[in-house]
N, C-alpha and C. Protein backbone atom coordinates (compact mmCIF):
# COMPACT_ATOMS: atom_id res chain seq x y z
N GLY A 1 -280.30 113.32 -74.52
CA GLY A 1 -279.28 112.45 -75.56
C GLY A 1 -278.29 111.11 -74.96
N TYR A 2 -277.74 110.70 -76.13
CA TYR A 2 -276.41 109.71 -75.59
C TYR A 2 -274.75 110.71 -74.78
N SER A 3 -274.73 109.87 -74.19
CA SER A 3 -273.17 110.60 -73.49
C SER A 3 -271.92 109.18 -74.33
N LEU A 4 -270.91 109.77 -74.44
CA LEU A 4 -269.95 108.71 -74.46
C LEU A 4 -269.13 109.26 -73.85
N GLU A 5 -268.95 109.41 -72.92
CA GLU A 5 -267.74 110.89 -71.94
C GLU A 5 -267.74 108.68 -70.90
N ASN A 6 -268.42 108.11 -71.07
CA ASN A 6 -268.55 106.94 -69.61
C ASN A 6 -267.96 105.61 -70.79
N ILE A 7 -267.27 105.71 -71.75
CA ILE A 7 -267.00 105.00 -72.49
C ILE A 7 -265.21 105.03 -72.96
N THR A 8 -264.97 103.80 -72.00
CA THR A 8 -263.33 103.25 -71.75
C THR A 8 -262.73 103.04 -72.55
N SER A 9 -261.17 103.76 -73.32
CA SER A 9 -261.04 103.22 -74.60
C SER A 9 -260.60 102.07 -74.72
N GLN A 10 -260.36 100.66 -73.48
CA GLN A 10 -260.63 99.77 -73.37
C GLN A 10 -261.15 99.20 -74.36
N GLU A 11 -262.94 99.79 -74.08
CA GLU A 11 -264.00 99.28 -74.43
C GLU A 11 -264.05 99.45 -75.93
N VAL A 12 -263.47 100.46 -76.45
CA VAL A 12 -263.26 100.72 -78.35
C VAL A 12 -262.48 99.97 -78.71
N ASP A 13 -261.44 99.79 -77.85
CA ASP A 13 -261.01 99.00 -78.01
C ASP A 13 -261.21 96.72 -78.15
N LEU A 14 -261.85 96.82 -77.32
CA LEU A 14 -262.20 95.50 -77.52
C LEU A 14 -263.38 95.44 -79.17
N TYR A 15 -263.74 96.67 -78.98
CA TYR A 15 -264.70 96.00 -80.08
C TYR A 15 -264.51 96.58 -81.58
N ALA A 16 -262.58 96.77 -81.69
CA ALA A 16 -262.38 97.08 -82.96
C ALA A 16 -261.89 95.46 -83.08
N TYR A 17 -261.03 95.07 -81.76
CA TYR A 17 -260.82 93.27 -81.84
C TYR A 17 -261.45 93.07 -82.02
N THR A 18 -262.41 92.42 -81.33
CA THR A 18 -263.63 92.37 -82.34
C THR A 18 -264.26 92.11 -83.95
N GLU A 19 -264.52 92.79 -84.02
CA GLU A 19 -264.32 93.48 -85.65
C GLU A 19 -262.81 93.09 -86.62
N HIS A 20 -261.85 93.16 -86.52
CA HIS A 20 -261.18 92.21 -86.90
C HIS A 20 -260.91 90.94 -87.10
N VAL A 21 -261.68 90.34 -85.72
CA VAL A 21 -262.06 88.89 -86.10
C VAL A 21 -263.06 88.24 -87.08
N GLN A 22 -263.37 89.22 -86.38
CA GLN A 22 -264.81 88.92 -87.96
C GLN A 22 -264.68 88.92 -89.19
N GLN A 23 -264.45 89.99 -89.48
CA GLN A 23 -263.60 90.13 -90.36
C GLN A 23 -262.68 89.00 -91.20
N ALA A 24 -261.44 88.51 -90.08
CA ALA A 24 -260.53 87.96 -90.73
C ALA A 24 -260.95 85.97 -90.79
N GLU A 25 -261.95 86.08 -90.47
CA GLU A 25 -263.76 84.88 -90.35
C GLU A 25 -264.49 85.71 -91.75
N ARG A 26 -264.70 85.52 -92.23
CA ARG A 26 -264.95 86.34 -93.31
C ARG A 26 -264.10 86.35 -94.72
N ALA A 27 -262.53 86.17 -94.66
CA ALA A 27 -261.74 86.83 -95.55
C ALA A 27 -261.75 84.97 -96.26
N SER A 28 -261.56 85.99 -97.52
CA SER A 28 -261.51 84.62 -98.86
C SER A 28 -259.39 84.85 -99.16
N ASP A 29 -258.69 85.97 -98.30
CA ASP A 29 -258.10 85.19 -98.68
C ASP A 29 -257.02 85.35 -98.00
N TRP A 30 -255.39 84.70 -98.00
CA TRP A 30 -254.90 84.64 -96.21
C TRP A 30 -253.93 86.22 -96.29
N THR A 31 -254.15 86.82 -96.68
CA THR A 31 -253.07 87.74 -96.41
C THR A 31 -254.01 89.33 -96.05
N ALA A 32 -254.98 88.76 -96.59
CA ALA A 32 -256.27 89.83 -96.24
C ALA A 32 -256.49 89.71 -94.49
N ARG A 33 -256.30 87.35 -94.22
CA ARG A 33 -256.41 87.17 -92.52
C ARG A 33 -255.08 87.78 -92.33
N ARG A 34 -254.85 87.42 -92.85
CA ARG A 34 -253.20 88.22 -91.76
C ARG A 34 -253.25 89.14 -91.59
N HIS A 35 -254.49 90.51 -92.33
CA HIS A 35 -253.95 91.99 -91.94
C HIS A 35 -255.06 91.83 -90.82
N HIS A 36 -256.15 91.28 -90.13
CA HIS A 36 -257.02 91.41 -89.51
C HIS A 36 -256.52 90.58 -88.58
N TRP A 37 -256.29 89.39 -88.25
CA TRP A 37 -255.50 88.96 -87.16
C TRP A 37 -254.12 89.84 -86.80
N SER A 38 -253.42 90.25 -87.28
CA SER A 38 -252.06 90.88 -86.84
C SER A 38 -253.53 91.74 -86.27
N ALA A 39 -253.80 93.07 -87.10
CA ALA A 39 -254.56 94.76 -86.34
C ALA A 39 -255.42 93.24 -84.50
N ALA A 40 -255.79 93.09 -84.33
CA ALA A 40 -256.62 91.76 -83.63
C ALA A 40 -255.84 92.12 -82.34
N LEU A 41 -254.89 91.71 -82.23
CA LEU A 41 -253.84 91.15 -81.81
C LEU A 41 -252.15 92.14 -81.16
N GLU A 42 -252.57 93.33 -82.29
CA GLU A 42 -252.51 94.99 -82.01
C GLU A 42 -253.14 95.31 -80.75
N LEU A 43 -254.33 94.86 -80.13
CA LEU A 43 -254.92 95.92 -79.53
C LEU A 43 -255.29 94.82 -78.74
N TYR A 44 -255.67 93.88 -78.59
CA TYR A 44 -254.83 92.99 -77.36
C TYR A 44 -254.09 93.71 -76.57
N ARG A 45 -254.71 94.09 -75.65
CA ARG A 45 -252.54 94.88 -74.45
C ARG A 45 -252.79 94.09 -72.94
N GLY A 46 -253.84 93.17 -72.88
CA GLY A 46 -253.80 91.89 -71.63
C GLY A 46 -254.96 92.04 -70.68
N GLU A 47 -255.26 91.40 -69.89
CA GLU A 47 -256.61 90.86 -69.64
C GLU A 47 -257.43 92.78 -69.62
N LEU A 48 -259.01 92.27 -69.65
CA LEU A 48 -260.13 93.08 -69.54
C LEU A 48 -260.13 94.03 -68.31
N TYR A 49 -260.27 94.98 -67.78
CA TYR A 49 -260.14 95.80 -66.88
C TYR A 49 -259.43 95.21 -66.27
N ALA A 50 -258.03 95.02 -66.36
CA ALA A 50 -256.96 94.72 -65.43
C ALA A 50 -256.50 95.86 -64.27
N ASP A 51 -256.90 96.78 -64.42
CA ASP A 51 -256.16 97.45 -63.61
C ASP A 51 -257.03 97.73 -61.87
N ASP A 52 -258.04 96.78 -62.40
CA ASP A 52 -259.54 96.63 -61.43
C ASP A 52 -259.42 94.66 -61.92
N ARG A 53 -259.09 94.14 -60.60
CA ARG A 53 -259.01 92.88 -60.25
C ARG A 53 -259.87 92.23 -59.78
N TYR A 54 -260.56 93.41 -59.18
CA TYR A 54 -261.95 92.77 -57.46
C TYR A 54 -263.11 92.88 -58.52
N ALA A 55 -262.44 92.78 -60.01
CA ALA A 55 -264.48 92.77 -60.89
C ALA A 55 -264.08 91.08 -61.43
N ASP A 56 -264.56 90.33 -60.48
CA ASP A 56 -265.05 89.20 -60.40
C ASP A 56 -266.54 89.26 -61.45
N TRP A 57 -266.96 90.32 -61.63
CA TRP A 57 -268.12 90.27 -62.35
C TRP A 57 -267.45 89.68 -64.25
N CYS A 58 -266.73 90.80 -64.39
CA CYS A 58 -265.81 90.24 -65.79
C CYS A 58 -264.72 89.20 -66.51
N GLU A 59 -264.87 87.77 -65.24
CA GLU A 59 -263.64 87.71 -65.27
C GLU A 59 -263.78 86.30 -66.00
N SER A 60 -265.15 85.46 -66.38
CA SER A 60 -264.45 85.08 -67.49
C SER A 60 -264.88 85.49 -69.04
N GLU A 61 -265.67 86.96 -69.14
CA GLU A 61 -265.01 87.57 -70.07
C GLU A 61 -263.91 87.62 -70.58
N ARG A 62 -262.47 87.44 -69.72
CA ARG A 62 -261.36 87.95 -69.12
C ARG A 62 -260.14 86.65 -70.07
N GLN A 63 -261.58 85.66 -69.35
CA GLN A 63 -260.56 84.64 -69.49
C GLN A 63 -260.85 84.17 -71.17
N ARG A 64 -262.09 84.17 -71.78
CA ARG A 64 -262.14 83.78 -72.77
C ARG A 64 -261.38 85.04 -73.48
N LEU A 65 -261.57 86.14 -73.49
CA LEU A 65 -260.83 87.37 -73.95
C LEU A 65 -259.98 86.90 -74.69
N LYS A 66 -258.95 85.84 -73.07
CA LYS A 66 -256.87 85.81 -73.44
C LYS A 66 -256.97 84.42 -74.08
N GLN A 67 -258.11 83.24 -74.07
CA GLN A 67 -257.64 82.42 -74.26
C GLN A 67 -257.79 81.79 -75.82
N GLY A 68 -258.62 83.40 -76.50
CA GLY A 68 -259.40 83.96 -78.21
C GLY A 68 -257.13 84.27 -78.40
N ALA A 69 -257.55 85.26 -78.01
CA ALA A 69 -255.99 85.56 -78.35
C ALA A 69 -255.25 85.48 -78.43
N ILE A 70 -255.49 83.98 -77.81
CA ILE A 70 -253.35 82.59 -77.69
C ILE A 70 -254.09 82.55 -78.95
N ARG A 71 -255.12 81.64 -79.11
CA ARG A 71 -255.63 80.99 -80.31
C ARG A 71 -255.26 81.97 -81.25
N LEU A 72 -255.77 82.78 -81.30
CA LEU A 72 -255.57 83.51 -82.36
C LEU A 72 -254.15 84.22 -83.20
N ALA A 73 -252.96 83.60 -82.16
CA ALA A 73 -251.48 84.23 -82.17
C ALA A 73 -251.50 82.85 -83.06
N SER A 74 -252.12 81.73 -82.43
CA SER A 74 -251.80 80.24 -82.54
C SER A 74 -251.60 79.98 -83.90
N ASN A 75 -253.14 80.72 -84.15
CA ASN A 75 -253.03 80.09 -86.28
C ASN A 75 -252.91 81.14 -86.78
N LEU A 76 -251.83 82.25 -86.83
CA LEU A 76 -251.55 84.12 -87.35
C LEU A 76 -250.30 82.67 -87.68
N ALA A 77 -249.92 82.46 -86.60
CA ALA A 77 -247.85 82.32 -86.71
C ALA A 77 -248.47 80.58 -87.67
N ARG A 78 -250.18 79.71 -87.75
CA ARG A 78 -249.46 78.61 -88.59
C ARG A 78 -249.74 79.44 -89.82
N LEU A 79 -251.04 80.19 -90.17
CA LEU A 79 -251.92 80.47 -91.08
C LEU A 79 -249.75 81.07 -92.14
N CYS A 80 -248.92 82.12 -91.20
CA CYS A 80 -247.92 82.66 -92.59
C CYS A 80 -247.14 82.18 -92.49
N GLN A 81 -246.51 80.35 -91.53
CA GLN A 81 -246.14 79.39 -91.52
C GLN A 81 -245.72 78.86 -93.12
N ALA A 82 -247.32 78.40 -92.92
CA ALA A 82 -247.96 77.96 -94.15
C ALA A 82 -247.23 78.62 -95.46
N ASN A 83 -247.57 80.05 -95.60
CA ASN A 83 -247.74 80.61 -96.84
C ASN A 83 -245.97 81.49 -97.10
N GLY A 84 -245.29 80.83 -95.99
CA GLY A 84 -243.88 80.95 -96.07
C GLY A 84 -243.63 83.02 -95.59
N ASP A 85 -244.70 83.43 -94.83
CA ASP A 85 -244.31 84.68 -94.23
C ASP A 85 -243.57 84.31 -92.49
N LEU A 86 -242.25 83.76 -92.72
CA LEU A 86 -241.54 83.44 -91.48
C LEU A 86 -240.93 83.71 -90.23
N GLU A 87 -241.23 85.53 -90.58
CA GLU A 87 -241.09 86.99 -89.45
C GLU A 87 -242.25 86.85 -88.92
N THR A 88 -243.29 86.50 -89.41
CA THR A 88 -244.15 87.21 -89.30
C THR A 88 -245.27 86.17 -87.87
N ALA A 89 -244.70 84.57 -88.61
CA ALA A 89 -244.97 83.36 -88.15
C ALA A 89 -244.39 84.02 -86.57
N GLU A 90 -243.00 83.56 -86.68
CA GLU A 90 -242.33 84.23 -85.72
C GLU A 90 -242.47 85.30 -84.53
N LYS A 91 -242.88 86.24 -84.84
CA LYS A 91 -243.69 87.42 -84.35
C LYS A 91 -245.00 86.64 -83.23
N ALA A 92 -245.69 85.74 -84.25
CA ALA A 92 -247.20 84.85 -83.59
C ALA A 92 -246.76 84.90 -83.31
N ARG A 93 -246.12 83.70 -83.02
CA ARG A 93 -245.78 82.23 -81.19
C ARG A 93 -245.41 83.48 -80.54
N ASP A 94 -244.86 84.58 -80.25
CA ASP A 94 -243.61 85.04 -79.59
C ASP A 94 -244.98 85.20 -78.10
N ARG A 95 -245.61 86.44 -79.06
CA ARG A 95 -246.88 87.47 -78.55
C ARG A 95 -247.80 86.54 -78.75
N ALA A 96 -247.88 84.55 -78.91
CA ALA A 96 -249.16 83.87 -78.18
C ALA A 96 -248.15 83.29 -76.55
N GLN A 97 -246.86 83.05 -76.60
CA GLN A 97 -246.31 82.96 -75.59
C GLN A 97 -246.57 84.32 -74.36
N GLU A 98 -246.24 85.22 -74.51
CA GLU A 98 -246.63 86.77 -74.09
C GLU A 98 -247.87 87.12 -73.61
N ILE A 99 -248.91 86.70 -74.44
CA ILE A 99 -250.20 86.88 -74.01
C ILE A 99 -250.27 85.25 -73.09
N GLU A 100 -249.88 84.10 -72.66
CA GLU A 100 -250.53 83.08 -72.07
C GLU A 100 -249.54 83.42 -70.58
N ARG A 101 -248.77 84.21 -70.28
CA ARG A 101 -247.48 84.15 -68.99
C ARG A 101 -249.12 84.68 -68.37
């Protein structure tokens, strides 16, 4: 049978992150989009397999996810700013800068 013991929590987070990003893309209103983008950002905790810096096989995926998270945070900031949610907009801008470092 199948075993889940080799699945890391990071891989589960990646799956949930991707689901939230897709849900945000399909959202018909800004509050749903804000919810899903915020949830995705909470799941992005840094580079993929950051503890294994020599895992060159995933470097392009690391960069793709990092740039996607920065874009997501920036988009969330703009969305919230445009809709008057200034607190979330500021937090999202801070998060984009944090990820970029």
